[in-house]
Amino acid sequence: MKTLKEIREEKGFSIKDLAIRANVSPASISKIESGLQVDNEIKQKLAKVLKLPLSEIEFFEVYRY
């Protein structure tokens, strides 16, 4: 399974390009790629733009204690 960043780069999207197409902020994508934020609504929007099921995208989530 590939990470969001790997898929985004393979498809030739910058963070800004993907954000515009998915109607989310570039900061949200950066946070997801860094493991700081995973919001289901945003994940669904990104998967739709990338034309992949959620199950094929590795989203990292860092748990902070």
N, C-alpha and C. Protein backbone atom coordinates (compact mmCIF):
# COMPACT_ATOMS: atom_id res chain seq x y z
N MET A 1 0.84 -1.18 0.00
CA MET A 1 0.00 0.00 0.00
C MET A 1 0.89 1.25 0.00
N LYS A 2 0.49 2.25 -0.77
CA LYS A 2 1.28 3.47 -0.88
C LYS A 2 0.70 4.57 -0.01
N THR A 3 1.59 5.47 0.37
CA THR A 3 1.16 6.60 1.20
C THR A 3 0.49 7.66 0.32
N LEU A 4 -0.24 8.54 0.96
CA LEU A 4 -0.88 9.64 0.25
C LEU A 4 0.16 10.43 -0.54
N LYS A 5 1.29 10.73 0.07
CA LYS A 5 2.33 11.50 -0.60
C LYS A 5 2.85 10.78 -1.84
N GLU A 6 3.10 9.48 -1.73
CA GLU A 6 3.58 8.71 -2.88
C GLU A 6 2.57 8.75 -4.03
N ILE A 7 1.31 8.55 -3.71
CA ILE A 7 0.26 8.54 -4.73
C ILE A 7 0.13 9.94 -5.35
N ARG A 8 0.12 10.95 -4.50
CA ARG A 8 -0.01 12.33 -4.98
C ARG A 8 1.12 12.66 -5.95
N GLU A 9 2.34 12.32 -5.59
CA GLU A 9 3.50 12.61 -6.44
C GLU A 9 3.46 11.80 -7.74
N GLU A 10 3.07 10.53 -7.67
CA GLU A 10 2.96 9.69 -8.87
C GLU A 10 1.96 10.27 -9.87
N LYS A 11 0.90 10.85 -9.35
CA LYS A 11 -0.14 11.42 -10.20
C LYS A 11 0.18 12.85 -10.64
N GLY A 12 1.33 13.36 -10.17
CA GLY A 12 1.80 14.66 -10.60
C GLY A 12 1.13 15.86 -9.94
N PHE A 13 0.55 15.64 -8.76
CA PHE A 13 -0.11 16.73 -8.03
C PHE A 13 0.84 17.32 -7.00
N SER A 14 0.86 18.64 -6.95
CA SER A 14 1.50 19.30 -5.81
C SER A 14 0.47 19.28 -4.68
N ILE A 15 0.88 19.64 -3.50
CA ILE A 15 -0.08 19.73 -2.39
C ILE A 15 -1.16 20.75 -2.74
N LYS A 16 -0.76 21.87 -3.30
CA LYS A 16 -1.71 22.92 -3.65
C LYS A 16 -2.70 22.44 -4.72
N ASP A 17 -2.21 21.76 -5.75
CA ASP A 17 -3.09 21.24 -6.81
C ASP A 17 -4.14 20.29 -6.24
N LEU A 18 -3.69 19.35 -5.42
CA LEU A 18 -4.60 18.37 -4.84
C LEU A 18 -5.61 19.05 -3.93
N ALA A 19 -5.15 20.01 -3.17
CA ALA A 19 -6.04 20.74 -2.26
C ALA A 19 -7.15 21.45 -3.03
N ILE A 20 -6.79 22.10 -4.13
CA ILE A 20 -7.79 22.81 -4.94
C ILE A 20 -8.81 21.83 -5.51
N ARG A 21 -8.33 20.73 -6.06
CA ARG A 21 -9.23 19.74 -6.67
C ARG A 21 -10.14 19.08 -5.64
N ALA A 22 -9.64 18.88 -4.43
CA ALA A 22 -10.42 18.21 -3.38
C ALA A 22 -11.21 19.20 -2.52
N ASN A 23 -11.00 20.49 -2.75
CA ASN A 23 -11.66 21.52 -1.97
C ASN A 23 -11.34 21.41 -0.47
N VAL A 24 -10.05 21.24 -0.21
CA VAL A 24 -9.55 21.23 1.17
C VAL A 24 -8.35 22.17 1.24
N SER A 25 -7.91 22.50 2.41
CA SER A 25 -6.76 23.40 2.52
C SER A 25 -5.45 22.64 2.29
N PRO A 26 -4.46 23.31 1.71
CA PRO A 26 -3.14 22.68 1.57
C PRO A 26 -2.57 22.28 2.93
N ALA A 27 -2.87 23.07 3.96
CA ALA A 27 -2.39 22.74 5.31
C ALA A 27 -2.94 21.41 5.78
N SER A 28 -4.18 21.11 5.43
CA SER A 28 -4.78 19.82 5.82
C SER A 28 -4.03 18.65 5.20
N ILE A 29 -3.68 18.80 3.93
CA ILE A 29 -2.93 17.73 3.25
C ILE A 29 -1.55 17.58 3.88
N SER A 30 -0.89 18.69 4.15
CA SER A 30 0.42 18.63 4.79
C SER A 30 0.34 17.93 6.14
N LYS A 31 -0.70 18.26 6.90
CA LYS A 31 -0.88 17.63 8.22
C LYS A 31 -1.11 16.13 8.08
N ILE A 32 -1.92 15.75 7.11
CA ILE A 32 -2.18 14.32 6.90
C ILE A 32 -0.88 13.61 6.52
N GLU A 33 -0.12 14.19 5.59
CA GLU A 33 1.13 13.57 5.16
C GLU A 33 2.16 13.50 6.27
N SER A 34 2.06 14.39 7.24
CA SER A 34 2.99 14.38 8.39
C SER A 34 2.49 13.52 9.54
N GLY A 35 1.28 13.01 9.40
CA GLY A 35 0.73 12.17 10.46
C GLY A 35 0.08 12.95 11.58
N LEU A 36 -0.23 14.21 11.35
CA LEU A 36 -0.78 15.02 12.42
C LEU A 36 -2.30 15.13 12.39
N GLN A 37 -2.92 14.79 11.26
CA GLN A 37 -4.37 14.94 11.15
C GLN A 37 -4.91 13.89 10.20
N VAL A 38 -5.96 13.23 10.59
CA VAL A 38 -6.66 12.33 9.69
C VAL A 38 -8.15 12.52 9.91
N ASP A 39 -8.78 13.26 9.02
CA ASP A 39 -10.20 13.54 9.09
C ASP A 39 -10.89 12.71 8.01
N ASN A 40 -11.91 11.94 8.37
CA ASN A 40 -12.57 11.05 7.41
C ASN A 40 -13.15 11.78 6.22
N GLU A 41 -13.73 12.94 6.43
CA GLU A 41 -14.32 13.69 5.31
C GLU A 41 -13.23 14.11 4.32
N ILE A 42 -12.11 14.56 4.84
CA ILE A 42 -11.01 14.97 3.97
C ILE A 42 -10.43 13.75 3.25
N LYS A 43 -10.27 12.64 3.96
CA LYS A 43 -9.76 11.42 3.32
C LYS A 43 -10.65 11.01 2.15
N GLN A 44 -11.96 11.08 2.32
CA GLN A 44 -12.89 10.70 1.26
C GLN A 44 -12.76 11.63 0.05
N LYS A 45 -12.61 12.93 0.30
CA LYS A 45 -12.45 13.88 -0.79
C LYS A 45 -11.16 13.60 -1.57
N LEU A 46 -10.09 13.32 -0.84
CA LEU A 46 -8.81 13.04 -1.50
C LEU A 46 -8.87 11.76 -2.32
N ALA A 47 -9.47 10.73 -1.76
CA ALA A 47 -9.59 9.46 -2.47
C ALA A 47 -10.40 9.63 -3.76
N LYS A 48 -11.44 10.44 -3.70
CA LYS A 48 -12.27 10.68 -4.89
C LYS A 48 -11.44 11.36 -5.99
N VAL A 49 -10.69 12.38 -5.63
CA VAL A 49 -9.85 13.08 -6.61
C VAL A 49 -8.77 12.15 -7.16
N LEU A 50 -8.20 11.32 -6.30
CA LEU A 50 -7.13 10.40 -6.72
C LEU A 50 -7.68 9.17 -7.43
N LYS A 51 -9.01 9.01 -7.43
CA LYS A 51 -9.70 7.89 -8.08
C LYS A 51 -9.23 6.55 -7.52
N LEU A 52 -9.17 6.49 -6.19
CA LEU A 52 -8.78 5.27 -5.49
C LEU A 52 -9.71 5.04 -4.31
N PRO A 53 -9.95 3.77 -3.96
CA PRO A 53 -10.70 3.52 -2.73
C PRO A 53 -9.83 3.87 -1.52
N LEU A 54 -10.49 4.26 -0.44
CA LEU A 54 -9.75 4.60 0.79
C LEU A 54 -8.82 3.47 1.22
N SER A 55 -9.23 2.25 0.99
CA SER A 55 -8.44 1.10 1.43
C SER A 55 -7.09 0.99 0.72
N GLU A 56 -6.91 1.72 -0.37
CA GLU A 56 -5.65 1.65 -1.11
C GLU A 56 -4.71 2.81 -0.81
N ILE A 57 -5.10 3.68 0.13
CA ILE A 57 -4.27 4.82 0.50
C ILE A 57 -3.85 4.67 1.96
N GLU A 58 -2.56 4.74 2.20
CA GLU A 58 -2.04 4.66 3.56
C GLU A 58 -2.06 6.05 4.18
N PHE A 59 -2.92 6.22 5.18
CA PHE A 59 -3.00 7.47 5.92
C PHE A 59 -2.37 7.22 7.28
N PHE A 60 -1.41 8.02 7.63
CA PHE A 60 -0.75 7.85 8.93
C PHE A 60 -1.42 8.71 9.96
N GLU A 61 -1.53 8.18 11.14
CA GLU A 61 -2.09 8.95 12.24
C GLU A 61 -1.19 8.75 13.44
N VAL A 62 -0.70 9.84 13.97
CA VAL A 62 0.18 9.80 15.11
C VAL A 62 -0.65 10.06 16.36
N TYR A 63 -0.56 9.18 17.30
CA TYR A 63 -1.30 9.38 18.54
C TYR A 63 -0.38 10.06 19.54
N ARG A 64 -0.82 11.15 20.06
CA ARG A 64 -0.02 11.89 21.03
C ARG A 64 -0.61 11.69 22.41
N TYR A 65 0.26 11.40 23.36
CA TYR A 65 -0.20 11.14 24.72
C TYR A 65 0.12 12.30 25.62
